[in-house]
């Protein structure tokens, strides 16, 4: 059995909290532990939850205003001077607007700058496609020296912020805006570069990250009622990828389904396909945003529209199992299921 501790009420009465709230607590805790931790923001301290740090350590907080390129460039200079800078903005703007500055000032120089991309994914809702950052996992994953961390809930975001503060590498931390279920507990583990089996299974590996891990847990529960044993693998670190845990799962089940609130091209789905193609070819179904932008609407409506709820994920998994059977060989599938809503 999996040793990962899951909140026992997550499928019946889940506690809801924005993932960004956990980041705010984790940053504050990191600042209390290490005086080298500093925070820089692009005029969004309350939205990104950096205001807790600002209020506690005003002398270690820098407000750069609406200037994301300046945000990371100043942070890289502070890192070179021995500080551990966290920067925050909406992910649509950082890394969306300042990717080149992140590359040349932080990543190329291996400076421990932390890029916190808040309000990522379609759960931004009514702000629409311009603010629904869906490409960030892909563009940050291809940047050399950069770590990419996507917490699954607020408690994990808190642990992730503390762990990243103690890591010497440049990092990208992706957090969501809206309230989402908390599936982990205070005793659940988090380690940069580690993936975790939350539910063991034998028929298919549901490999998920961020907000989609909860939906994968729901899907696995529904599939179990239909006689399908789904293994749920939670991947909070996209880079470096925990190859051993993922390969052990797909070797057991013989097939994989990746689920992410992001573009499947270059994201978690792309990473898993790259891994399995070279190490253990299996059928891979990628679920997420399929080469399109988001829309304006309530987060719940958008999850339905793009088939990213546990119920619709279970339907697509069952359909895929029925259409492909148990034939061996690698198929990187991005089949488009009928959109709803």
Protein backbone atom coordinates (compact mmCIF):
# COMPACT_ATOMS: atom_id res chain seq x y z
CA UNK A 1 0.00 0.00 0.00
CA UNK A 2 1.04 3.60 -0.60
CA UNK A 3 2.56 5.28 2.45
CA UNK A 4 1.46 8.78 1.44
CA UNK A 5 -1.03 10.25 3.92
CA UNK A 6 -4.19 11.60 2.27
CA UNK A 7 -6.84 13.59 4.07
CA UNK A 8 -9.47 10.94 4.89
CA UNK A 9 -12.31 13.34 4.03
CA UNK A 10 -10.99 14.54 0.69
CA UNK A 11 -13.50 12.58 -1.41
CA UNK A 12 -16.50 13.16 0.84
CA UNK A 13 -16.07 16.57 2.47
CA UNK A 14 -12.86 18.22 1.24
CA UNK A 15 -11.44 21.32 2.86
CA UNK A 16 -11.02 24.09 0.31
CA UNK A 17 -8.23 26.67 0.27
CA UNK A 18 -6.37 28.53 -2.49
CA UNK A 19 -2.95 27.06 -3.18
CA UNK A 20 -1.49 30.59 -3.15
CA UNK A 21 -2.45 30.90 0.54
CA UNK A 22 -0.07 28.06 1.33
CA UNK A 23 2.70 29.80 -0.57
CA UNK A 24 2.17 32.93 1.53
CA UNK A 25 2.56 30.94 4.75
CA UNK A 26 5.58 29.07 3.42
CA UNK A 27 7.36 32.24 2.35
CA UNK A 28 6.77 33.79 5.77
CA UNK A 29 8.13 30.66 7.47
CA UNK A 30 11.18 30.67 5.20
CA UNK A 31 11.81 34.31 6.06
CA UNK A 32 11.61 33.60 9.76
CA UNK A 33 14.11 30.76 9.37
CA UNK A 34 16.65 32.52 7.14
CA UNK A 35 17.23 36.27 7.13
CA UNK A 36 18.69 36.04 3.62
CA UNK A 37 15.17 35.46 2.24
CA UNK A 38 13.80 38.59 0.57
CA UNK A 39 10.62 39.20 -1.40
CA UNK A 40 9.96 41.26 -4.52
CA UNK A 41 6.55 41.87 -6.06
CA UNK A 42 5.06 43.50 -9.16
CA UNK A 43 2.24 45.42 -7.47
CA UNK A 44 0.29 42.28 -6.52
CA UNK A 45 1.34 41.57 -2.95
CA UNK A 46 -2.15 40.82 -1.64
CA UNK A 47 -3.19 38.78 -4.67
CA UNK A 48 -0.07 36.63 -4.55
CA UNK A 49 -0.12 36.46 -0.73
CA UNK A 50 3.27 38.11 -0.41
CA UNK A 51 1.75 40.78 1.86
CA UNK A 52 2.24 38.55 4.91
CA UNK A 53 5.99 38.67 4.37
CA UNK A 54 5.84 42.40 3.60
CA UNK A 55 4.01 43.14 6.84
CA UNK A 56 6.40 41.02 8.93
CA UNK A 57 9.65 42.03 7.21
CA UNK A 58 9.11 45.41 5.51
CA UNK A 59 12.85 46.02 5.31
CA UNK A 60 13.26 42.83 3.24
CA UNK A 61 10.42 43.56 0.82
CA UNK A 62 10.75 45.42 -2.50
CA UNK A 63 7.79 46.68 -4.51
CA UNK A 64 8.98 47.17 -8.09
CA UNK A 65 5.58 48.11 -9.51
CA UNK A 66 4.21 46.88 -12.82
CA UNK A 67 7.62 46.01 -14.24
CA UNK A 68 8.14 42.26 -14.45
CA UNK A 69 11.43 42.46 -16.37
CA UNK A 70 12.83 44.69 -13.65
CA UNK A 71 11.36 42.36 -11.02
CA UNK A 72 13.55 39.39 -11.92
CA UNK A 73 16.61 41.42 -12.92
CA UNK A 74 16.76 43.13 -9.52
CA UNK A 75 16.17 39.76 -7.86
CA UNK A 76 19.09 38.22 -9.76
CA UNK A 77 21.35 41.01 -8.55
CA UNK A 78 20.22 40.46 -4.97
CA UNK A 79 20.86 36.73 -5.35
CA UNK A 80 24.38 37.46 -6.60
CA UNK A 81 24.85 39.54 -3.43
CA UNK A 82 23.94 36.56 -1.24
CA UNK A 83 20.19 36.94 -0.80
CA UNK A 84 17.48 34.33 -1.51
CA UNK A 85 14.91 36.32 -3.50
CA UNK A 86 11.32 35.27 -4.11
CA UNK A 87 9.51 37.18 -6.86
CA UNK A 88 5.77 37.09 -7.45
CA UNK A 89 3.30 38.21 -10.07
CA UNK A 90 0.56 36.62 -12.13
CA UNK A 91 2.01 33.74 -14.15
CA UNK A 92 0.68 35.40 -17.32
CA UNK A 93 3.21 38.16 -16.71
CA UNK A 94 5.99 36.31 -14.90
CA UNK A 95 7.22 34.14 -16.58
CA UNK A 96 4.86 35.07 -19.42
CA UNK A 97 6.29 38.55 -20.02
CA UNK A 98 9.85 38.29 -18.70
CA UNK A 99 11.06 34.86 -19.80
CA UNK A 100 14.15 36.32 -21.46
CA UNK A 101 15.21 38.20 -18.32
CA UNK A 102 14.71 35.08 -16.21
CA UNK A 103 16.90 33.14 -18.64
CA UNK A 104 19.77 35.62 -18.92
CA UNK A 105 19.95 36.94 -15.36
CA UNK A 106 18.88 34.01 -13.18
CA UNK A 107 19.08 30.69 -15.03
CA UNK A 108 22.25 31.25 -17.07
CA UNK A 109 24.05 32.48 -13.96
CA UNK A 110 22.59 29.78 -11.69
CA UNK A 111 21.29 32.38 -9.26
CA UNK A 112 18.76 31.10 -6.66
CA UNK A 113 15.91 33.33 -7.82
CA UNK A 114 12.44 31.95 -7.16
CA UNK A 115 9.83 32.86 -9.77
CA UNK A 116 6.36 32.49 -8.25
CA UNK A 117 3.73 32.41 -10.97
CA UNK A 118 0.37 32.94 -9.30
CA UNK A 119 -3.12 32.68 -10.81
CA UNK A 120 -1.95 29.96 -13.22
CA UNK A 121 -4.34 27.70 -15.12
CA UNK A 122 -7.98 28.10 -16.11
CA UNK A 123 -9.14 28.49 -12.48
CA UNK A 124 -8.53 32.24 -12.86
CA UNK A 125 -12.02 32.04 -14.35
CA UNK A 126 -13.66 35.29 -15.36
CA UNK A 127 -10.35 37.07 -16.06
CA UNK A 128 -10.35 35.11 -19.31
CA UNK A 129 -7.78 33.77 -21.73
CA UNK A 130 -5.31 36.66 -21.38
CA UNK A 131 -4.82 35.88 -17.69
CA UNK A 132 -5.19 32.08 -17.82
CA UNK A 133 -1.53 31.09 -18.10
CA UNK A 134 -1.41 27.61 -19.61
CA UNK A 135 2.01 27.54 -21.25
CA UNK A 136 4.21 28.22 -18.22
CA UNK A 137 5.09 24.63 -17.37
CA UNK A 138 6.34 24.08 -20.91
CA UNK A 139 8.37 27.28 -21.24
CA UNK A 140 9.98 26.93 -17.83
CA UNK A 141 10.70 23.23 -18.20
CA UNK A 142 12.87 23.83 -21.27
CA UNK A 143 15.02 26.43 -19.49
CA UNK A 144 18.35 24.90 -18.40
CA UNK A 145 19.13 24.99 -14.65
CA UNK A 146 15.49 25.79 -13.78
CA UNK A 147 13.45 23.70 -11.34
CA UNK A 148 9.69 23.55 -11.94
CA UNK A 149 7.41 22.88 -8.96
CA UNK A 150 3.61 22.62 -9.18
CA UNK A 151 2.05 21.96 -5.75
CA UNK A 152 -1.20 20.03 -5.57
CA UNK A 153 -2.77 21.93 -2.67
CA UNK A 154 -2.14 24.72 -0.18
CA UNK A 155 -0.38 22.56 2.40
CA UNK A 156 2.03 21.27 -0.21
CA UNK A 157 2.65 24.81 -1.48
CA UNK A 158 3.66 25.78 2.04
CA UNK A 159 6.13 22.90 2.22
CA UNK A 160 7.37 23.64 -1.30
CA UNK A 161 8.14 27.29 -0.54
CA UNK A 162 10.23 26.30 2.46
CA UNK A 163 12.07 23.61 0.50
CA UNK A 164 12.81 25.92 -2.43
CA UNK A 165 14.21 28.57 -0.06
CA UNK A 166 16.80 26.02 1.06
CA UNK A 167 17.70 24.96 -2.50
CA UNK A 168 20.51 26.77 -4.37
CA UNK A 169 18.97 26.44 -7.84
CA UNK A 170 16.73 28.92 -9.69
CA UNK A 171 13.13 27.72 -9.40
CA UNK A 172 9.66 28.26 -10.78
CA UNK A 173 6.76 27.76 -8.35
CA UNK A 174 3.30 27.58 -9.96
CA UNK A 175 0.29 28.35 -7.76
CA UNK A 176 -3.43 28.68 -8.44
CA UNK A 177 -5.88 31.42 -7.52
CA UNK A 178 -9.19 29.74 -6.73
CA UNK A 179 -10.03 27.54 -3.75
CA UNK A 180 -9.22 23.89 -4.40
CA UNK A 181 -9.46 20.74 -2.25
CA UNK A 182 -6.66 19.97 0.21
CA UNK A 183 -5.81 16.28 -0.19
CA UNK A 184 -2.53 16.18 1.73
CA UNK A 185 -2.00 16.46 5.48
CA UNK A 186 0.54 18.13 7.72
CA UNK A 187 2.42 14.82 7.80
CA UNK A 188 2.51 14.28 4.04
CA UNK A 189 5.99 14.39 2.51
CA UNK A 190 7.40 16.87 0.03
CA UNK A 191 10.83 16.78 -1.53
CA UNK A 192 11.98 18.62 -4.63
CA UNK A 193 12.30 16.04 -7.39
CA UNK A 194 10.01 13.44 -5.79
CA UNK A 195 6.71 12.05 -7.08
CA UNK A 196 4.31 10.14 -4.85
CA UNK A 197 1.95 7.22 -5.35
CA UNK A 198 -1.27 8.26 -3.60
CA UNK A 199 -3.37 5.26 -4.61
CA UNK A 200 -2.01 1.96 -5.85
CA UNK A 201 -3.54 0.25 -8.89
CA UNK A 202 -2.85 -2.26 -11.61
CA UNK A 203 -4.76 -1.26 -14.78
CA UNK A 204 -3.70 2.30 -15.56
CA UNK A 205 -1.43 5.00 -14.10
CA UNK A 206 -3.12 8.38 -13.59
CA UNK A 207 -0.16 10.77 -13.48
CA UNK A 208 -1.26 14.23 -12.34
CA UNK A 209 0.13 17.52 -11.13
CA UNK A 210 -1.17 20.65 -9.42
CA UNK A 211 -4.92 21.04 -9.03
CA UNK A 212 -5.52 17.98 -11.20
CA UNK A 213 -4.21 15.53 -8.61
CA UNK A 214 -7.42 15.90 -6.63
CA UNK A 215 -9.43 15.32 -9.81
CA UNK A 216 -7.34 12.21 -10.49
CA UNK A 217 -8.21 10.92 -7.01
CA UNK A 218 -11.90 11.43 -7.78
CA UNK A 219 -11.50 9.71 -11.15
CA UNK A 220 -9.72 6.73 -9.55
CA UNK A 221 -12.53 6.34 -7.04
CA UNK A 222 -15.15 6.37 -9.81
CA UNK A 223 -13.15 3.94 -11.93
CA UNK A 224 -12.82 1.55 -8.99
CA UNK A 225 -16.62 1.36 -8.92
CA UNK A 226 -16.49 0.24 -12.55
CA UNK A 227 -13.93 -2.47 -11.92
CA UNK A 228 -10.90 -0.48 -13.13
CA UNK A 229 -7.92 -0.29 -10.78
CA UNK A 230 -6.23 3.08 -11.31
CA UNK A 231 -2.94 4.05 -9.72
CA UNK A 232 -2.67 7.76 -8.87
CA UNK A 233 0.82 9.25 -9.12
CA UNK A 234 1.16 12.83 -7.88
CA UNK A 235 3.98 14.78 -9.56
CA UNK A 236 4.56 18.10 -7.76
CA UNK A 237 7.98 18.51 -9.35
CA UNK A 238 7.94 18.56 -13.14
CA UNK A 239 11.67 19.25 -13.31
CA UNK A 240 13.67 17.38 -12.17
CA UNK A 241 11.19 14.61 -12.95
CA UNK A 242 11.03 11.58 -10.67
CA UNK A 243 11.71 9.08 -13.42
CA UNK A 244 12.02 6.07 -11.13
CA UNK A 245 8.57 6.47 -9.54
CA UNK A 246 6.82 7.12 -12.85
CA UNK A 247 8.55 4.26 -14.65
CA UNK A 248 7.82 1.85 -11.79
CA UNK A 249 4.13 2.72 -12.07
CA UNK A 250 3.83 2.38 -15.86
CA UNK A 251 5.81 -0.83 -15.86
CA UNK A 252 3.20 -2.23 -13.50
CA UNK A 253 0.09 -0.94 -15.26
CA UNK A 254 1.26 -0.88 -18.87
CA UNK A 255 -0.39 2.46 -19.71
CA UNK A 256 -0.49 6.06 -18.54
CA UNK A 257 -2.88 8.99 -18.46
CA UNK A 258 -1.40 12.40 -17.67
CA UNK A 259 -3.63 15.17 -16.31
CA UNK A 260 -2.70 18.84 -15.99
CA UNK A 261 -4.35 22.26 -15.91
CA UNK A 262 -1.99 23.41 -18.64
CA UNK A 263 -1.06 22.80 -22.26
CA UNK A 264 -0.37 19.12 -22.84
CA UNK A 265 2.33 20.11 -25.38
CA UNK A 266 5.56 20.46 -23.45
CA UNK A 267 3.93 20.14 -20.04
CA UNK A 268 3.65 17.10 -17.78
CA UNK A 269 2.22 15.06 -20.64
CA UNK A 270 5.16 15.93 -22.83
CA UNK A 271 7.63 15.11 -20.07
CA UNK A 272 6.08 11.69 -19.45
CA UNK A 273 6.00 10.90 -23.18
CA UNK A 274 9.67 11.83 -23.50
CA UNK A 275 10.52 9.61 -20.55
CA UNK A 276 8.51 6.56 -21.54
CA UNK A 277 9.46 6.74 -25.23
CA UNK A 278 13.10 6.25 -24.31
CA UNK A 279 12.86 4.02 -21.25
CA UNK A 280 9.65 1.98 -21.42
CA UNK A 281 7.26 2.56 -24.34
CA UNK A 282 3.63 2.51 -23.25
CA UNK A 283 0.33 3.96 -24.39
CA UNK A 284 -0.01 7.54 -23.05
CA UNK A 285 -3.24 9.53 -23.07
CA UNK A 286 -2.65 13.21 -22.33
CA UNK A 287 -5.48 15.20 -20.76
CA UNK A 288 -5.32 18.95 -20.33
CA UNK A 289 -5.50 21.96 -22.62
CA UNK A 290 -5.21 20.72 -26.17
CA UNK A 291 -3.54 23.47 -28.21
CA UNK A 292 -6.07 26.18 -27.43
CA UNK A 293 -6.61 29.11 -25.10
CA UNK A 294 -9.02 29.29 -22.22
CA UNK A 295 -12.30 31.17 -21.99
CA UNK A 296 -14.14 33.47 -19.63
CA UNK A 297 -16.32 31.69 -17.11
CA UNK A 298 -16.57 30.35 -13.59
CA UNK A 299 -13.75 27.93 -12.71
CA UNK A 300 -16.24 25.08 -12.30
CA UNK A 301 -17.74 25.81 -15.72
CA UNK A 302 -14.31 25.81 -17.33
CA UNK A 303 -13.31 22.53 -15.76
CA UNK A 304 -16.46 21.02 -17.26
CA UNK A 305 -15.87 22.70 -20.61
CA UNK A 306 -12.37 21.28 -20.93
CA UNK A 307 -13.23 17.90 -19.38
CA UNK A 308 -10.95 18.30 -16.38
CA UNK A 309 -13.29 17.14 -13.63
CA UNK A 310 -12.85 13.78 -11.95
CA UNK A 311 -16.08 12.49 -13.50
CA UNK A 312 -15.09 13.43 -17.06
CA UNK A 313 -11.52 12.25 -16.59
CA UNK A 314 -12.89 8.86 -15.51
CA UNK A 315 -15.09 8.78 -18.62
CA UNK A 316 -12.16 9.52 -20.91
CA UNK A 317 -9.95 6.95 -19.19
CA UNK A 318 -12.64 4.27 -19.50
CA UNK A 319 -13.21 5.16 -23.15
CA UNK A 320 -9.49 5.03 -23.85
CA UNK A 321 -9.11 1.66 -22.16
CA UNK A 322 -11.96 0.30 -24.25
CA UNK A 323 -10.63 1.68 -27.53
CA UNK A 324 -7.02 0.61 -27.11
CA UNK A 325 -7.42 -2.63 -25.18
CA UNK A 326 -4.17 -4.05 -23.86
CA UNK A 327 -2.10 -3.90 -27.05
CA UNK A 328 1.59 -3.14 -26.37
CA UNK A 329 3.60 -0.37 -27.96
CA UNK A 330 3.95 3.38 -27.60
CA UNK A 331 1.10 5.65 -28.63
CA UNK A 332 1.28 9.29 -27.55
CA UNK A 333 -2.42 10.09 -27.70
CA UNK A 334 -3.96 13.52 -27.36
CA UNK A 335 -7.43 12.48 -28.47
CA UNK A 336 -9.91 15.32 -28.27
CA UNK A 337 -13.00 14.29 -26.33
CA UNK A 338 -16.22 16.21 -27.09
CA UNK A 339 -16.19 19.54 -25.30
CA UNK A 340 -19.07 20.32 -22.99
CA UNK A 341 -20.45 23.61 -21.77
